[in-house]
């Protein structure tokens, strides 16, 4: 277990040391997310990379051919080392640790915005720019739709939830009226 934590820290620190801008961070994070999703969603890919019968050189060669044009050089190199050391099972934790390290290093906030309907790109850009300016950080933002939401928005910035949904306002009004 200690050995795994040590490896997770080594891999995530290598990646963190290589990112010097928000764009670098997004590139590495997206590459890690896509590779993790491939491992999760495609049993044949997962089986191939976790196989004890396939030589690590063959795994690294196929991996490099498949992703060299779509991932940053440093990410490809770190993932080749992960594959060579048969540490694919640590990749989700490496991704989480890398994200936390880079968040601190680059002053990044993680934001999730939930609305009752799909927003267009102008609305998303307005929200992204306003929030970034308001909290004085670069933001990594995800937009989701919750059809059960009755107007308004729910915005989660790191660990803080701001709920301006009509549903919550109605529930708050109901609580006040019941208390009267």
Protein backbone atom coordinates (compact mmCIF):
# COMPACT_ATOMS: atom_id res chain seq x y z
CA UNK A 1 0.00 0.00 0.00
CA UNK A 2 2.79 2.45 0.94
CA UNK A 3 4.57 1.52 -2.28
CA UNK A 4 1.45 2.40 -4.28
CA UNK A 5 1.12 5.79 -2.56
CA UNK A 6 4.76 6.48 -3.31
CA UNK A 7 4.26 5.61 -7.00
CA UNK A 8 1.06 7.69 -7.19
CA UNK A 9 2.97 10.68 -5.78
CA UNK A 10 5.88 10.18 -8.17
CA UNK A 11 3.67 9.97 -11.27
CA UNK A 12 1.40 12.84 -10.28
CA UNK A 13 4.33 15.07 -9.31
CA UNK A 14 6.01 14.39 -12.66
CA UNK A 15 2.85 15.52 -14.44
CA UNK A 16 2.36 18.49 -12.12
CA UNK A 17 5.95 19.65 -12.64
CA UNK A 18 5.35 19.61 -16.40
CA UNK A 19 2.27 21.84 -16.38
CA UNK A 20 3.05 25.54 -16.23
CA UNK A 21 -0.21 27.01 -17.46
CA UNK A 22 -3.93 26.43 -17.28
CA UNK A 23 -3.91 25.22 -20.90
CA UNK A 24 -1.16 22.68 -20.10
CA UNK A 25 -3.23 21.48 -17.14
CA UNK A 26 -6.41 21.09 -19.24
CA UNK A 27 -4.48 19.16 -21.91
CA UNK A 28 -3.00 16.70 -19.41
CA UNK A 29 -6.23 16.37 -17.42
CA UNK A 30 -8.31 15.73 -20.56
CA UNK A 31 -5.78 13.14 -21.76
CA UNK A 32 -5.86 11.35 -18.41
CA UNK A 33 -9.67 11.48 -18.31
CA UNK A 34 -9.95 10.04 -21.84
CA UNK A 35 -7.49 7.24 -21.13
CA UNK A 36 -9.21 6.40 -17.83
CA UNK A 37 -12.58 6.38 -19.63
CA UNK A 38 -11.20 4.04 -22.30
CA UNK A 39 -9.95 1.66 -19.64
CA UNK A 40 -13.32 1.77 -17.87
CA UNK A 41 -15.60 1.60 -20.89
CA UNK A 42 -13.77 -0.84 -23.17
CA UNK A 43 -13.09 -4.25 -21.67
CA UNK A 44 -10.68 -5.22 -24.45
CA UNK A 45 -8.50 -2.15 -23.83
CA UNK A 46 -8.59 -2.75 -20.08
CA UNK A 47 -7.72 -6.42 -20.50
CA UNK A 48 -4.88 -5.64 -22.91
CA UNK A 49 -3.17 -3.16 -20.61
CA UNK A 50 -3.64 -5.29 -17.50
CA UNK A 51 -2.59 -8.54 -19.19
CA UNK A 52 0.40 -10.35 -17.73
CA UNK A 53 0.95 -12.28 -20.99
CA UNK A 54 1.42 -9.21 -23.22
CA UNK A 55 4.95 -7.80 -23.11
CA UNK A 56 5.21 -4.27 -21.69
CA UNK A 57 7.24 -3.15 -24.73
CA UNK A 58 4.36 -4.22 -26.98
CA UNK A 59 1.86 -2.40 -24.73
CA UNK A 60 3.93 0.80 -24.75
CA UNK A 61 4.44 0.66 -28.52
CA UNK A 62 0.73 0.22 -29.25
CA UNK A 63 -0.17 2.91 -26.74
CA UNK A 64 2.28 5.40 -28.25
CA UNK A 65 1.02 4.74 -31.79
CA UNK A 66 -2.59 5.16 -30.66
CA UNK A 67 -2.26 8.42 -28.71
CA UNK A 68 0.95 10.22 -29.71
CA UNK A 69 -0.92 12.77 -31.83
CA UNK A 70 -3.67 13.42 -29.30
CA UNK A 71 -1.78 13.73 -26.00
CA UNK A 72 1.00 15.97 -24.76
CA UNK A 73 4.50 14.51 -24.98
CA UNK A 74 5.00 14.52 -21.20
CA UNK A 75 1.70 12.70 -20.61
CA UNK A 76 2.59 10.04 -23.20
CA UNK A 77 6.01 9.55 -21.57
CA UNK A 78 4.62 9.30 -18.03
CA UNK A 79 1.88 6.89 -19.15
CA UNK A 80 4.49 4.73 -20.90
CA UNK A 81 6.34 4.45 -17.57
CA UNK A 82 3.03 3.60 -15.85
CA UNK A 83 2.42 0.89 -18.46
CA UNK A 84 6.01 -0.40 -18.28
CA UNK A 85 5.77 -0.71 -14.49
CA UNK A 86 2.37 -2.40 -14.74
CA UNK A 87 0.76 0.37 -12.68
CA UNK A 88 -2.39 0.94 -14.77
CA UNK A 89 -4.48 0.18 -11.67
CA UNK A 90 -3.06 3.36 -10.05
CA UNK A 91 -4.11 5.68 -12.87
CA UNK A 92 -7.38 6.93 -11.32
CA UNK A 93 -5.52 7.90 -8.13
CA UNK A 94 -2.70 9.49 -10.14
CA UNK A 95 -5.32 11.59 -11.95
CA UNK A 96 -6.93 12.71 -8.68
CA UNK A 97 -3.58 13.56 -7.06
CA UNK A 98 -2.32 15.37 -10.17
CA UNK A 99 -5.53 17.41 -10.26
CA UNK A 100 -5.18 18.45 -6.61
CA UNK A 101 -1.50 19.35 -7.00
CA UNK A 102 -2.13 21.41 -10.12
CA UNK A 103 -5.14 23.10 -8.54
CA UNK A 104 -2.86 24.48 -5.83
CA UNK A 105 0.05 25.26 -8.13
CA UNK A 106 -1.96 27.08 -10.80
CA UNK A 107 -4.71 28.63 -8.62
CA UNK A 108 -7.52 26.68 -10.26
CA UNK A 109 -11.06 26.27 -8.97
CA UNK A 110 -13.29 23.37 -9.99
CA UNK A 111 -16.79 24.50 -10.83
CA UNK A 112 -19.95 22.60 -11.64
CA UNK A 113 -22.96 24.50 -12.96
CA UNK A 114 -26.37 22.79 -13.03
CA UNK A 115 -29.27 24.40 -14.88
CA UNK A 116 -32.80 23.34 -15.76
CA UNK A 117 -32.12 23.49 -19.51
CA UNK A 118 -29.18 23.32 -21.87
CA UNK A 119 -27.22 26.57 -22.15
CA UNK A 120 -25.80 27.94 -25.37
CA UNK A 121 -22.10 28.72 -25.72
CA UNK A 122 -22.58 32.46 -25.08
CA UNK A 123 -24.34 31.75 -21.78
CA UNK A 124 -21.61 29.28 -20.79
CA UNK A 125 -18.89 31.79 -21.67
CA UNK A 126 -20.63 34.54 -19.67
CA UNK A 127 -20.92 32.32 -16.61
CA UNK A 128 -17.34 31.07 -16.96
CA UNK A 129 -15.89 34.57 -17.32
CA UNK A 130 -18.02 36.04 -14.52
CA UNK A 131 -17.14 33.27 -12.08
CA UNK A 132 -13.44 33.40 -12.94
CA UNK A 133 -13.41 37.14 -12.35
CA UNK A 134 -15.49 36.86 -9.17
CA UNK A 135 -13.29 34.26 -7.47
CA UNK A 136 -10.07 35.50 -9.07
CA UNK A 137 -9.02 32.04 -10.28
CA UNK A 138 -8.84 30.08 -13.49
CA UNK A 139 -11.71 27.64 -13.52
CA UNK A 140 -12.18 24.12 -14.77
CA UNK A 141 -15.93 24.09 -15.35
CA UNK A 142 -18.54 21.46 -16.15
CA UNK A 143 -22.10 22.21 -17.18
CA UNK A 144 -24.94 19.77 -16.44
CA UNK A 145 -28.68 19.81 -16.96
CA UNK A 146 -31.17 18.69 -14.31
CA UNK A 147 -34.71 18.63 -15.72
CA UNK A 148 -36.07 18.47 -12.15
CA UNK A 149 -34.62 21.90 -11.39
CA UNK A 150 -37.28 24.62 -11.55
CA UNK A 151 -35.36 27.59 -12.94
CA UNK A 152 -32.22 29.19 -11.57
CA UNK A 153 -28.81 27.60 -11.17
CA UNK A 154 -26.85 25.47 -8.76
CA UNK A 155 -23.16 26.36 -8.82
CA UNK A 156 -20.57 24.38 -6.91
CA UNK A 157 -17.16 26.03 -6.56
CA UNK A 158 -14.74 23.51 -5.11
CA UNK A 159 -16.58 22.48 -1.92
CA UNK A 160 -19.08 25.35 -1.71
CA UNK A 161 -22.57 25.12 -3.21
CA UNK A 162 -24.45 28.25 -4.30
CA UNK A 163 -28.08 27.38 -4.95
CA UNK A 164 -30.23 30.02 -6.65
CA UNK A 165 -32.76 27.54 -7.98
CA UNK A 166 -36.42 28.43 -7.74
CA UNK A 167 -37.04 25.07 -6.07
CA UNK A 168 -34.74 25.96 -3.17
CA UNK A 169 -36.22 29.46 -2.87
CA UNK A 170 -39.71 27.94 -2.64
CA UNK A 171 -38.57 25.42 -0.02
CA UNK A 172 -36.97 28.23 2.02
CA UNK A 173 -40.17 30.32 1.81
CA UNK A 174 -42.23 27.29 2.88
CA UNK A 175 -39.95 26.75 5.89
CA UNK A 176 -40.33 30.38 6.94
CA UNK A 177 -44.11 30.25 6.58
CA UNK A 178 -44.38 27.01 8.58
CA UNK A 179 -42.31 28.63 11.33
CA UNK A 180 -44.69 31.61 11.59
